[in-house]
C-alpha atoms as a PDB file:
ATOM      1  CA  MET A   1       0.000   0.000   0.000  1.00  0.00           C
ATOM      2  CA  THR A   2       1.381   3.414  -0.996  1.00  0.00           C
ATOM      3  CA  THR A   3       0.933   6.360   1.378  1.00  0.00           C
ATOM      4  CA  ALA A   4       0.471   9.783  -0.202  1.00  0.00           C
ATOM      5  CA  PHE A   5       2.284  12.674   1.520  1.00  0.00           C
ATOM      6  CA  PRO A   6       1.656  16.420   1.045  1.00  0.00           C
ATOM      7  CA  SER A   7       3.811  18.361  -1.388  1.00  0.00           C
ATOM      8  CA  LEU A   8       7.348  19.267  -0.317  1.00  0.00           C
ATOM      9  CA  SER A   9       6.578  23.005  -0.125  1.00  0.00           C
ATOM     10  CA  TRP A  10       3.627  22.376   2.210  1.00  0.00           C
ATOM     11  CA  LYS A  11       5.751  20.080   4.332  1.00  0.00           C
ATOM     12  CA  ALA A  12       8.540  22.639   4.637  1.00  0.00           C
ATOM     13  CA  GLY A  13       6.077  25.311   5.719  1.00  0.00           C
ATOM     14  CA  PHE A  14       4.488  22.955   8.203  1.00  0.00           C
ATOM     15  CA  LEU A  15       7.857  22.089   9.728  1.00  0.00           C
ATOM     16  CA  ALA A  16       8.826  25.745  10.008  1.00  0.00           C
ATOM     17  CA  ALA A  17       5.574  26.606  11.762  1.00  0.00           C
ATOM     18  CA  LEU A  18       5.777  23.579  14.033  1.00  0.00           C
ATOM     19  CA  ALA A  19       9.285  24.493  15.144  1.00  0.00           C
ATOM     20  CA  THR A  20       7.968  27.750  16.610  1.00  0.00           C
ATOM     21  CA  ILE A  21       5.547  25.963  18.949  1.00  0.00           C
ATOM     22  CA  PRO A  22       6.962  25.868  22.498  1.00  0.00           C
ATOM     23  CA  PRO A  23       7.007  22.487  24.243  1.00  0.00           C
ATOM     24  CA  PRO A  24       4.377  21.817  26.896  1.00  0.00           C
ATOM     25  CA  THR A  25       5.296  23.255  30.287  1.00  0.00           C
ATOM     26  CA  THR A  26       4.416  22.159  33.783  1.00  0.00           C
ATOM     27  CA  ALA A  27       2.004  24.567  35.424  1.00  0.00           C
ATOM     28  CA  THR A  28       1.702  24.915  39.177  1.00  0.00           C
ATOM     29  CA  SER A  29      -1.561  25.036  41.049  1.00  0.00           C
ATOM     30  CA  THR A  30      -2.293  28.479  42.419  1.00  0.00           C
ATOM     31  CA  THR A  31      -5.479  27.505  44.200  1.00  0.00           C
ATOM     32  CA  SER A  32      -5.364  29.845  47.182  1.00  0.00           C
ATOM     33  CA  THR A  33      -7.901  27.790  49.137  1.00  0.00           C
ATOM     34  CA  SER A  34      -5.734  24.671  49.241  1.00  0.00           C
ATOM     35  CA  LYS A  35      -3.916  24.030  52.504  1.00  0.00           C
ATOM     36  CA  ARG A  36      -1.783  21.168  51.217  1.00  0.00           C
ATOM     37  CA  GLY A  37       1.955  21.493  51.082  1.00  0.00           C
ATOM     38  CA  LEU A  38       4.969  19.540  49.924  1.00  0.00           C
ATOM     39  CA  ALA A  39       7.488  18.430  52.532  1.00  0.00           C
ATOM     40  CA  TYR A  40      10.313  18.096  50.014  1.00  0.00           C
ATOM     41  CA  LEU A  41      12.400  14.995  50.690  1.00  0.00           C
ATOM     42  CA  GLY A  42      14.686  15.197  47.671  1.00  0.00           C
ATOM     43  CA  ASP A  43      12.680  13.597  44.846  1.00  0.00           C
ATOM     44  CA  THR A  44      14.462  14.538  41.608  1.00  0.00           C
ATOM     45  CA  HIS A  45      12.490  12.406  39.134  1.00  0.00           C
ATOM     46  CA  THR A  46      11.116  14.490  36.270  1.00  0.00           C
ATOM     47  CA  GLY A  47       8.018  12.331  35.871  1.00  0.00           C
ATOM     48  CA  ASP A  48       7.130  12.786  39.549  1.00  0.00           C
ATOM     49  CA  ASP A  49       7.581  16.548  39.231  1.00  0.00           C
ATOM     50  CA  GLU A  50       5.139  16.674  36.322  1.00  0.00           C
ATOM     51  CA  LEU A  51       2.404  15.327  38.594  1.00  0.00           C
ATOM     52  CA  LEU A  52       3.366  17.169  41.798  1.00  0.00           C
ATOM     53  CA  TYR A  53       3.482  20.580  40.111  1.00  0.00           C
ATOM     54  CA  SER A  54       0.798  20.091  37.476  1.00  0.00           C
ATOM     55  CA  ALA A  55      -2.017  22.595  37.051  1.00  0.00           C
ATOM     56  CA  ASN A  56      -4.545  20.375  38.854  1.00  0.00           C
ATOM     57  CA  SER A  57      -2.324  19.501  41.816  1.00  0.00           C
ATOM     58  CA  SER A  58      -3.600  20.490  45.265  1.00  0.00           C
ATOM     59  CA  LEU A  59      -0.110  21.504  46.402  1.00  0.00           C
ATOM     60  CA  ALA A  60      -0.095  25.179  47.384  1.00  0.00           C
ATOM     61  CA  TRP A  61       3.284  25.597  49.144  1.00  0.00           C
ATOM     62  CA  TYR A  62       6.440  23.689  50.033  1.00  0.00           C
ATOM     63  CA  TYR A  63       9.362  23.562  52.432  1.00  0.00           C
ATOM     64  CA  ASN A  64      12.545  21.521  52.770  1.00  0.00           C
ATOM     65  CA  TRP A  65      13.776  21.964  56.384  1.00  0.00           C
ATOM     66  CA  SER A  66      16.127  24.691  55.127  1.00  0.00           C
ATOM     67  CA  PRO A  67      16.169  28.460  54.502  1.00  0.00           C
ATOM     68  CA  ASN A  68      17.181  27.822  50.881  1.00  0.00           C
ATOM     69  CA  ALA A  69      14.632  27.233  48.133  1.00  0.00           C
ATOM     70  CA  ILE A  70      14.942  24.375  45.612  1.00  0.00           C
ATOM     71  CA  THR A  71      15.803  25.743  42.184  1.00  0.00           C
ATOM     72  CA  THR A  72      14.119  22.869  40.325  1.00  0.00           C
ATOM     73  CA  ILE A  73      10.721  23.535  41.925  1.00  0.00           C
ATOM     74  CA  PRO A  74       8.614  26.118  40.045  1.00  0.00           C
ATOM     75  CA  SER A  75       8.970  29.547  41.629  1.00  0.00           C
ATOM     76  CA  SER A  76       5.199  29.967  41.414  1.00  0.00           C
ATOM     77  CA  LEU A  77       4.866  27.448  44.265  1.00  0.00           C
ATOM     78  CA  PRO A  78       5.434  29.484  47.470  1.00  0.00           C
ATOM     79  CA  PHE A  79       8.453  28.409  49.503  1.00  0.00           C
ATOM     80  CA  VAL A  80       8.435  28.434  53.315  1.00  0.00           C
ATOM     81  CA  PRO A  81      11.961  28.646  54.778  1.00  0.00           C
ATOM     82  CA  LEU A  82      12.867  26.873  58.012  1.00  0.00           C
ATOM     83  CA  LEU A  83      15.646  27.761  60.453  1.00  0.00           C
ATOM     84  CA  HIS A  84      16.503  24.243  61.553  1.00  0.00           C
ATOM     85  CA  GLY A  85      18.793  25.039  64.456  1.00  0.00           C
ATOM     86  CA  LEU A  86      20.744  27.714  66.313  1.00  0.00           C
ATOM     87  CA  ALA A  87      23.383  28.004  63.580  1.00  0.00           C
ATOM     88  CA  ASP A  88      20.755  28.926  60.980  1.00  0.00           C
ATOM     89  CA  ALA A  89      19.233  31.572  63.252  1.00  0.00           C
ATOM     90  CA  SER A  90      22.549  33.257  64.059  1.00  0.00           C
ATOM     91  CA  SER A  91      24.078  32.968  60.586  1.00  0.00           C
ATOM     92  CA  SER A  92      25.661  36.161  59.268  1.00  0.00           C
ATOM     93  CA  THR A  93      24.083  35.432  55.887  1.00  0.00           C
ATOM     94  CA  LEU A  94      20.532  34.940  57.185  1.00  0.00           C
ATOM     95  CA  GLN A  95      19.288  38.369  56.112  1.00  0.00           C
ATOM     96  CA  SER A  96      20.647  38.019  52.588  1.00  0.00           C
ATOM     97  CA  THR A  97      19.375  34.437  52.271  1.00  0.00           C
ATOM     98  CA  LEU A  98      15.847  35.376  53.297  1.00  0.00           C
ATOM     99  CA  GLY A  99      15.966  38.598  51.310  1.00  0.00           C
ATOM    100  CA  ALA A 100      16.738  36.694  48.116  1.00  0.00           C
ATOM    101  CA  LEU A 101      13.571  34.596  48.370  1.00  0.00           C
ATOM    102  CA  PRO A 102      10.583  35.509  46.170  1.00  0.00           C
ATOM    103  CA  SER A 103       7.891  37.787  47.563  1.00  0.00           C
ATOM    104  CA  THR A 104       5.532  34.800  47.810  1.00  0.00           C
ATOM    105  CA  SER A 105       7.634  33.569  50.750  1.00  0.00           C
ATOM    106  CA  THR A 106       5.968  35.168  53.771  1.00  0.00           C
ATOM    107  CA  HIS A 107       6.079  32.583  56.591  1.00  0.00           C
ATOM    108  CA  LEU A 108       9.155  31.433  58.494  1.00  0.00           C
ATOM    109  CA  LEU A 109       9.400  28.149  60.418  1.00  0.00           C
ATOM    110  CA  THR A 110      11.821  27.819  63.332  1.00  0.00           C
ATOM    111  CA  PHE A 111      13.801  25.101  65.151  1.00  0.00           C
ATOM    112  CA  ASN A 112      12.841  21.623  63.977  1.00  0.00           C
ATOM    113  CA  GLU A 113      11.925  19.246  66.833  1.00  0.00           C
ATOM    114  CA  PRO A 114      14.216  20.874  69.419  1.00  0.00           C
ATOM    115  CA  ASP A 115      13.179  18.219  71.949  1.00  0.00           C
ATOM    116  CA  GLY A 116      14.437  15.491  69.601  1.00  0.00           C
ATOM    117  CA  THR A 117      17.920  14.208  68.870  1.00  0.00           C
ATOM    118  CA  THR A 118      19.984  15.160  65.855  1.00  0.00           C
ATOM    119  CA  ASP A 119      20.068  11.476  64.863  1.00  0.00           C
ATOM    120  CA  SER A 120      16.284  11.546  64.429  1.00  0.00           C
ATOM    121  CA  GLY A 121      16.295  14.835  62.514  1.00  0.00           C
ATOM    122  CA  GLY A 122      15.713  17.065  65.531  1.00  0.00           C
ATOM    123  CA  SER A 123      17.761  20.104  66.500  1.00  0.00           C
ATOM    124  CA  ALA A 124      18.385  19.132  70.165  1.00  0.00           C
ATOM    125  CA  ILE A 125      18.131  22.625  71.676  1.00  0.00           C
ATOM    126  CA  SER A 126      17.378  23.340  75.319  1.00  0.00           C
ATOM    127  CA  PRO A 127      14.270  25.468  75.953  1.00  0.00           C
ATOM    128  CA  SER A 128      16.329  28.283  77.478  1.00  0.00           C
ATOM    129  CA  ASP A 129      18.834  28.409  74.603  1.00  0.00           C
ATOM    130  CA  ALA A 130      16.003  28.312  72.075  1.00  0.00           C
ATOM    131  CA  ALA A 131      14.190  31.161  73.829  1.00  0.00           C
ATOM    132  CA  GLN A 132      17.291  33.353  73.859  1.00  0.00           C
ATOM    133  CA  ALA A 133      18.020  32.727  70.179  1.00  0.00           C
ATOM    134  CA  TYR A 134      14.370  33.230  69.262  1.00  0.00           C
ATOM    135  CA  ILE A 135      14.270  36.639  70.951  1.00  0.00           C
ATOM    136  CA  ASP A 136      17.702  37.739  69.720  1.00  0.00           C
ATOM    137  CA  ASP A 137      17.655  36.485  66.129  1.00  0.00           C
ATOM    138  CA  ILE A 138      14.111  35.618  65.039  1.00  0.00           C
ATOM    139  CA  VAL A 139      11.710  38.085  66.654  1.00  0.00           C
ATOM    140  CA  PRO A 140      13.418  41.069  64.927  1.00  0.00           C
ATOM    141  CA  LEU A 141      12.510  39.526  61.560  1.00  0.00           C
ATOM    142  CA  ARG A 142       8.821  40.225  62.266  1.00  0.00           C
ATOM    143  CA  THR A 143       9.388  43.971  62.004  1.00  0.00           C
ATOM    144  CA  ASP A 144      12.526  44.195  59.871  1.00  0.00           C
ATOM    145  CA  SER A 145      12.509  47.363  57.787  1.00  0.00           C
ATOM    146  CA  SER A 146      13.620  45.567  54.619  1.00  0.00           C
ATOM    147  CA  ARG A 147      11.203  42.640  54.865  1.00  0.00           C
ATOM    148  CA  GLU A 148       8.735  41.483  57.501  1.00  0.00           C
ATOM    149  CA  TRP A 149       8.154  37.785  58.219  1.00  0.00           C
ATOM    150  CA  LEU A 150       5.372  35.842  59.908  1.00  0.00           C
ATOM    151  CA  ILE A 151       7.133  33.532  62.360  1.00  0.00           C
ATOM    152  CA  SER A 152       6.274  30.318  64.176  1.00  0.00           C
ATOM    153  CA  HIS A 153       7.358  28.874  67.473  1.00  0.00           C
ATOM    154  CA  PRO A 154       9.539  25.744  67.220  1.00  0.00           C
ATOM    155  CA  ALA A 155       7.734  22.575  66.115  1.00  0.00           C
ATOM    156  CA  THR A 156       8.328  19.892  68.740  1.00  0.00           C
ATOM    157  CA  THR A 157       7.642  16.187  68.493  1.00  0.00           C
ATOM    158  CA  GLY A 158       3.979  15.309  69.009  1.00  0.00           C
ATOM    159  CA  SER A 159       4.491  13.893  72.479  1.00  0.00           C
ATOM    160  CA  ASP A 160       4.410  14.608  76.205  1.00  0.00           C
ATOM    161  CA  SER A 161       8.077  15.563  76.019  1.00  0.00           C
ATOM    162  CA  GLY A 162       7.241  17.992  73.219  1.00  0.00           C
ATOM    163  CA  LEU A 163       4.579  19.678  75.340  1.00  0.00           C
ATOM    164  CA  SER A 164       6.919  19.846  78.336  1.00  0.00           C
ATOM    165  CA  TRP A 165       9.568  21.450  76.130  1.00  0.00           C
ATOM    166  CA  LEU A 166       7.088  24.094  74.933  1.00  0.00           C
ATOM    167  CA  ARG A 167       6.090  24.913  78.508  1.00  0.00           C
ATOM    168  CA  GLU A 168       9.727  25.382  79.519  1.00  0.00           C
ATOM    169  CA  PHE A 169      10.414  27.396  76.372  1.00  0.00           C
ATOM    170  CA  ASN A 170       7.473  29.667  77.138  1.00  0.00           C
ATOM    171  CA  ALA A 171       8.608  30.160  80.736  1.00  0.00           C
ATOM    172  CA  SER A 172      12.115  31.048  79.544  1.00  0.00           C
ATOM    173  CA  CYS A 173      10.685  33.538  77.045  1.00  0.00           C
ATOM    174  CA  TRP A 174       8.885  35.481  79.763  1.00  0.00           C
ATOM    175  CA  GLU A 175      11.941  35.364  82.022  1.00  0.00           C
ATOM    176  CA  ILE A 176      14.070  36.919  79.274  1.00  0.00           C
ATOM    177  CA  ASP A 177      11.469  39.436  78.099  1.00  0.00           C
ATOM    178  CA  ALA A 178       8.829  40.012  80.777  1.00  0.00           C
ATOM    179  CA  GLU A 179       6.863  42.391  78.561  1.00  0.00           C
ATOM    180  CA  ASN A 180       6.670  40.490  75.269  1.00  0.00           C
ATOM    181  CA  GLY A 181       7.785  36.909  75.837  1.00  0.00           C
ATOM    182  CA  CYS A 182       8.284  35.176  72.467  1.00  0.00           C
ATOM    183  CA  PRO A 183       5.649  36.590  70.093  1.00  0.00           C
ATOM    184  CA  LEU A 184       4.513  34.427  67.186  1.00  0.00           C
ATOM    185  CA  ASP A 185       2.174  34.574  64.208  1.00  0.00           C
ATOM    186  CA  PHE A 186       1.377  30.903  63.701  1.00  0.00           C
ATOM    187  CA  VAL A 187       1.875  27.548  65.405  1.00  0.00           C
ATOM    188  CA  ALA A 188       3.815  24.722  63.729  1.00  0.00           C
ATOM    189  CA  LEU A 189       3.381  21.128  64.849  1.00  0.00           C
ATOM    190  CA  HIS A 190       4.228  17.542  63.910  1.00  0.00           C
ATOM    191  CA  TRP A 191       2.225  14.355  64.304  1.00  0.00           C
ATOM    192  CA  TYR A 192       3.023  10.712  63.587  1.00  0.00           C
ATOM    193  CA  GLY A 193       0.199   8.372  64.457  1.00  0.00           C
ATOM    194  CA  ASP A 194      -3.490   7.721  63.875  1.00  0.00           C
ATOM    195  CA  PHE A 195      -6.208  10.276  63.205  1.00  0.00           C
ATOM    196  CA  ALA A 196      -7.511  10.290  66.782  1.00  0.00           C
ATOM    197  CA  GLY A 197      -4.036  11.151  68.024  1.00  0.00           C
ATOM    198  CA  LEU A 198      -3.675  13.936  65.463  1.00  0.00           C
ATOM    199  CA  ALA A 199      -6.970  15.506  66.517  1.00  0.00           C
ATOM    200  CA  SER A 200      -5.992  15.181  70.179  1.00  0.00           C
ATOM    201  CA  TRP A 201      -2.529  16.727  69.723  1.00  0.00           C
ATOM    202  CA  LEU A 202      -3.946  19.587  67.681  1.00  0.00           C
ATOM    203  CA  GLY A 203      -6.538  20.162  70.402  1.00  0.00           C
ATOM    204  CA  THR A 204      -3.846  20.134  73.090  1.00  0.00           C
ATOM    205  CA  LEU A 205      -1.823  22.813  71.320  1.00  0.00           C
ATOM    206  CA  TYR A 206      -4.942  24.854  70.566  1.00  0.00           C
ATOM    207  CA  GLU A 207      -5.689  24.871  74.285  1.00  0.00           C
ATOM    208  CA  PHE A 208      -2.070  25.762  75.112  1.00  0.00           C
ATOM    209  CA  TYR A 209      -1.800  28.646  72.656  1.00  0.00           C
ATOM    210  CA  VAL A 210      -5.346  29.933  72.146  1.00  0.00           C
ATOM    211  CA  THR A 211      -7.617  28.919  75.020  1.00  0.00           C
ATOM    212  CA  ASN A 212      -5.005  29.643  77.677  1.00  0.00           C
ATOM    213  CA  GLY A 213      -3.214  32.367  75.697  1.00  0.00           C
ATOM    214  CA  THR A 214       0.042  30.990  77.075  1.00  0.00           C
ATOM    215  CA  SER A 215       2.432  32.689  74.678  1.00  0.00           C
ATOM    216  CA  SER A 216       0.808  36.087  74.347  1.00  0.00           C
ATOM    217  CA  SER A 217       0.066  39.042  76.567  1.00  0.00           C
ATOM    218  CA  SER A 218      -3.008  39.757  74.426  1.00  0.00           C
ATOM    219  CA  SER A 219      -6.030  37.461  74.225  1.00  0.00           C
ATOM    220  CA  SER A 220      -6.974  38.959  70.855  1.00  0.00           C
ATOM    221  CA  SER A 221      -3.622  38.035  69.297  1.00  0.00           C
ATOM    222  CA  SER A 222      -3.963  34.480  70.622  1.00  0.00           C
ATOM    223  CA  GLN A 223      -7.366  34.150  68.976  1.00  0.00           C
ATOM    224  CA  ASN A 224      -5.839  35.097  65.614  1.00  0.00           C
ATOM    225  CA  LEU A 225      -3.200  32.367  65.629  1.00  0.00           C
ATOM    226  CA  THR A 226      -3.296  29.855  62.793  1.00  0.00           C
ATOM    227  CA  PHE A 227      -1.908  26.315  62.877  1.00  0.00           C
ATOM    228  CA  TRP A 228       0.393  24.541  60.414  1.00  0.00           C
ATOM    229  CA  ILE A 229       0.915  20.774  60.596  1.00  0.00           C
ATOM    230  CA  THR A 230       4.265  20.595  58.811  1.00  0.00           C
ATOM    231  CA  GLU A 231       4.838  16.858  59.279  1.00  0.00           C
ATOM    232  CA  MET A 232       2.192  14.159  59.577  1.00  0.00           C
ATOM    233  CA  ALA A 233       1.960  10.479  58.698  1.00  0.00           C
ATOM    234  CA  LEU A 234       0.899   7.092  60.039  1.00  0.00           C
ATOM    235  CA  PRO A 235       4.128   5.097  60.505  1.00  0.00           C
ATOM    236  CA  GLN A 236       4.504   1.370  59.926  1.00  0.00           C
ATOM    237  CA  ALA A 237       0.861   0.743  59.010  1.00  0.00           C
ATOM    238  CA  SER A 238      -0.742  -1.153  56.150  1.00  0.00           C
ATOM    239  CA  ALA A 239      -1.559   0.626  52.897  1.00  0.00           C
ATOM    240  CA  ASP A 240      -5.291   0.525  53.679  1.00  0.00           C
ATOM    241  CA  GLU A 241      -4.809   1.894  57.197  1.00  0.00           C
ATOM    242  CA  THR A 242      -2.558   4.676  55.914  1.00  0.00           C
ATOM    243  CA  LEU A 243      -5.041   5.670  53.220  1.00  0.00           C
ATOM    244  CA  ALA A 244      -7.909   5.710  55.720  1.00  0.00           C
ATOM    245  CA  MET A 245      -5.910   7.882  58.140  1.00  0.00           C
ATOM    246  CA  MET A 246      -5.037  10.346  55.388  1.00  0.00           C
ATOM    247  CA  ASN A 247      -8.599  10.515  54.094  1.00  0.00           C
ATOM    248  CA  GLN A 248      -9.996  11.221  57.551  1.00  0.00           C
ATOM    249  CA  SER A 249      -7.234  13.691  58.426  1.00  0.00           C
ATOM    250  CA  LEU A 250      -7.478  15.752  55.242  1.00  0.00           C
ATOM    251  CA  SER A 251     -11.238  16.151  55.581  1.00  0.00           C
ATOM    252  CA  TYR A 252     -10.875  17.164  59.221  1.00  0.00           C
ATOM    253  CA  LEU A 253      -8.044  19.645  58.692  1.00  0.00           C
ATOM    254  CA  ASP A 254      -9.770  21.202  55.688  1.00  0.00           C
ATOM    255  CA  SER A 255     -12.844  21.804  57.851  1.00  0.00           C
ATOM    256  CA  LEU A 256     -10.984  23.727  60.590  1.00  0.00           C
ATOM    257  CA  SER A 257     -10.771  27.462  59.945  1.00  0.00           C
ATOM    258  CA  TYR A 258      -7.770  27.898  62.249  1.00  0.00           C
ATOM    259  CA  VAL A 259      -5.712  25.294  60.361  1.00  0.00           C
ATOM    260  CA  GLU A 260      -3.997  27.249  57.613  1.00  0.00           C
ATOM    261  CA  ALA A 261      -1.691  24.612  56.136  1.00  0.00           C
ATOM    262  CA  TYR A 262      -0.484  21.036  56.414  1.00  0.00           C
ATOM    263  CA  ALA A 263       2.073  18.749  54.788  1.00  0.00           C
ATOM    264  CA  TRP A 264       2.149  14.968  54.486  1.00  0.00           C
ATOM    265  CA  TYR A 265       5.483  13.328  55.240  1.00  0.00           C
ATOM    266  CA  GLY A 266       6.059  10.991  52.320  1.00  0.00           C
ATOM    267  CA  THR A 267       5.956  13.007  49.101  1.00  0.00           C
ATOM    268  CA  ASP A 268       8.635  10.883  47.480  1.00  0.00           C
ATOM    269  CA  ARG A 269       9.078   7.362  46.134  1.00  0.00           C
ATOM    270  CA  LYS A 270       8.631   4.229  48.201  1.00  0.00           C
ATOM    271  CA  SER A 271      11.827   2.608  49.472  1.00  0.00           C
ATOM    272  CA  SER A 272      13.696   5.908  49.570  1.00  0.00           C
ATOM    273  CA  SER A 273      16.264   6.465  52.310  1.00  0.00           C
ATOM    274  CA  TRP A 274      13.858   8.468  54.480  1.00  0.00           C
ATOM    275  CA  ASP A 275      11.216   5.766  55.030  1.00  0.00           C
ATOM    276  CA  GLY A 276      13.038   3.683  57.641  1.00  0.00           C
ATOM    277  CA  TYR A 277      10.924   5.156  60.447  1.00  0.00           C
ATOM    278  CA  THR A 278       7.620   5.671  58.671  1.00  0.00           C
ATOM    279  CA  GLY A 279       7.598   2.631  56.407  1.00  0.00           C
ATOM    280  CA  GLY A 280       6.981   2.788  52.681  1.00  0.00           C
ATOM    281  CA  ASN A 281       3.187   2.970  52.752  1.00  0.00           C
ATOM    282  CA  VAL A 282       3.266   6.713  53.453  1.00  0.00           C
ATOM    283  CA  ALA A 283       4.948   7.320  50.068  1.00  0.00           C
ATOM    284  CA  VAL A 284       2.966   9.111  47.374  1.00  0.00           C
ATOM    285  CA  PHE A 285       4.872   7.285  44.611  1.00  0.00           C
ATOM    286  CA  THR A 286       5.821   3.653  44.142  1.00  0.00           C
ATOM    287  CA  SER A 287       9.502   2.849  43.683  1.00  0.00           C
ATOM    288  CA  GLY A 288       8.804   2.920  39.940  1.00  0.00           C
ATOM    289  CA  GLY A 289       7.258   6.395  39.971  1.00  0.00           C
ATOM    290  CA  ALA A 290       3.536   5.564  39.809  1.00  0.00           C
ATOM    291  CA  LEU A 291       1.105   7.351  42.118  1.00  0.00           C
ATOM    292  CA  THR A 292       0.019   5.287  45.104  1.00  0.00           C
ATOM    293  CA  ASP A 293      -3.536   5.491  46.448  1.00  0.00           C
ATOM    294  CA  VAL A 294      -2.178   7.854  49.108  1.00  0.00           C
ATOM    295  CA  GLY A 295      -0.459   9.978  46.470  1.00  0.00           C
ATOM    296  CA  ALA A 296      -3.513  10.229  44.237  1.00  0.00           C
ATOM    297  CA  LEU A 297      -5.652  11.306  47.191  1.00  0.00           C
ATOM    298  CA  TYR A 298      -3.150  13.896  48.416  1.00  0.00           C
ATOM    299  CA  LEU A 299      -2.782  15.548  45.012  1.00  0.00           C
ATOM    300  CA  GLY A 300      -6.546  15.937  44.708  1.00  0.00           C
ATOM    301  CA  GLY A 301      -8.025  12.557  43.815  1.00  0.00           C
ATOM    302  CA  GLU A 302     -10.021  11.538  40.771  1.00  0.00           C
ATOM    303  CA  LYS A 303     -12.017  14.778  40.767  1.00  0.00           C
ATOM    304  CA  ASP A 304      -8.775  16.559  39.856  1.00  0.00           C
ATOM    305  CA  GLY A 305      -7.588  13.841  37.492  1.00  0.00           C
ATOM    306  CA  PHE A 306      -5.257  11.851  39.761  1.00  0.00           C
ATOM    307  CA  LYS A 307      -5.526   8.070  39.958  1.00  0.00           C
ATOM    308  CA  ALA A 308      -3.332   5.408  41.518  1.00  0.00           C
ATOM    309  CA  GLY A 309      -0.909   4.026  38.943  1.00  0.00           C
ATOM    310  CA  MET A 310      -0.523   7.313  37.035  1.00  0.00           C
ATOM    311  CA  LYS A 311       2.941   8.435  35.977  1.00  0.00           C
ATOM    312  CA  GLY A 312       4.237  11.689  34.580  1.00  0.00           C
ATOM    313  CA  ALA A 313       5.157  11.682  30.888  1.00  0.00           C
ATOM    314  CA  ALA A 314       8.879  11.417  31.659  1.00  0.00           C
ATOM    315  CA  GLY A 315       8.126   8.542  34.015  1.00  0.00           C
ATOM    316  CA  ARG A 316       6.439   6.718  31.147  1.00  0.00           C
ATOM    317  CA  GLY A 317       9.589   7.094  29.076  1.00  0.00           C
ATOM    318  CA  PHE A 318       8.416  10.069  26.995  1.00  0.00           C
ATOM    319  CA  GLY A 319      11.276  12.382  27.819  1.00  0.00           C
ATOM    320  CA  VAL A 320      11.337  13.897  24.321  1.00  0.00           C
ATOM    321  CA  SER A 321       9.216  17.009  23.981  1.00  0.00           C
ATOM    322  CA  TRP A 322       5.989  16.890  21.994  1.00  0.00           C
ATOM    323  CA  ALA A 323       7.267  19.214  19.290  1.00  0.00           C
ATOM    324  CA  ALA A 324      10.499  17.267  18.873  1.00  0.00           C
ATOM    325  CA  ALA A 325       8.605  13.994  18.616  1.00  0.00           C
ATOM    326  CA  VAL A 326       6.291  15.344  15.930  1.00  0.00           C
ATOM    327  CA  LEU A 327       9.203  16.865  14.032  1.00  0.00           C
ATOM    328  CA  ALA A 328      10.980  13.528  14.069  1.00  0.00           C
ATOM    329  CA  THR A 329       7.879  11.801  12.712  1.00  0.00           C
ATOM    330  CA  VAL A 330       7.346  14.326   9.933  1.00  0.00           C
ATOM    331  CA  GLY A 331      11.055  14.299   9.137  1.00  0.00           C
ATOM    332  CA  PHE A 332      10.851  10.558   8.635  1.00  0.00           C
ATOM    333  CA  ALA A 333       7.868  11.066   6.357  1.00  0.00           C
ATOM    334  CA  LEU A 334       9.842  13.565   4.282  1.00  0.00           C
ATOM    335  CA  SER A 335      12.712  11.146   3.900  1.00  0.00           C
ATOM    336  CA  MET A 336      10.309   8.556   2.560  1.00  0.00           C
ATOM    337  CA  SER A 337       8.719  10.858  -0.032  1.00  0.00           C
END
């Protein structure tokens, strides 16, 4: 069977026009009502990125336990810097580092799990040392003339020891500054466990900060505090149990007006180096780059076009751009004419 191709002049014009078409780009969701964030664990797979940062994705912000943004993540996705420990807070380059961030970066997280050990990812800071550094280095950032930041208190582990640390931190704050203590704009917290525990821990901190007004001299400012759950997951559970916990947690957190943001711990591929504690069922991608049930739900579910088993185009092996692929096909056709 002989295939008829268009005339050479038509083909040349078509190729010239096609070459001017830009390749498809990955758009980032700008849905301001979404609370969901990306706790960036180092996933560098292009196919995963295409899904995480696609136009329909529910992700509305990200952080990476660092004051430095990730250059490969679209700048349209707001970055939230974190001062992990005392060295970050007292760094001579802190002002320039924060000043270089895009204007969409407005919130600043402080001191990651200071009641935890460095081996477990914590910053291992005593309450008194944290209070002094917070007042000396972090509070001034709220009213800095060059750029003002909304700041959080340190995010402790979701445990009795975490609550005890916060109480001691608060007491130290008022001892150092009897008039102001350690002012804050939002509360950051972590939770690893089932949904009932998450709701209980959130309620405990709401009582500590808002009901009792522990960290503020003004009841009105306490009432305006918002809450960010910057790490949450159900460790070492089955896939079904993990999915059920996420489903219940997302619905609950979305319904609470004082919860401003949250991030699932596991936005990477299964069997990555980070999942020794949590187990692989918290991962949003399989080891091969396909969305898990948890991943599809977190990105928005079927209503937003995400289904378990989906892969980004690069993950399916289509790394060549659309325009290049079509050009190659038409070029082959020309060679056959």
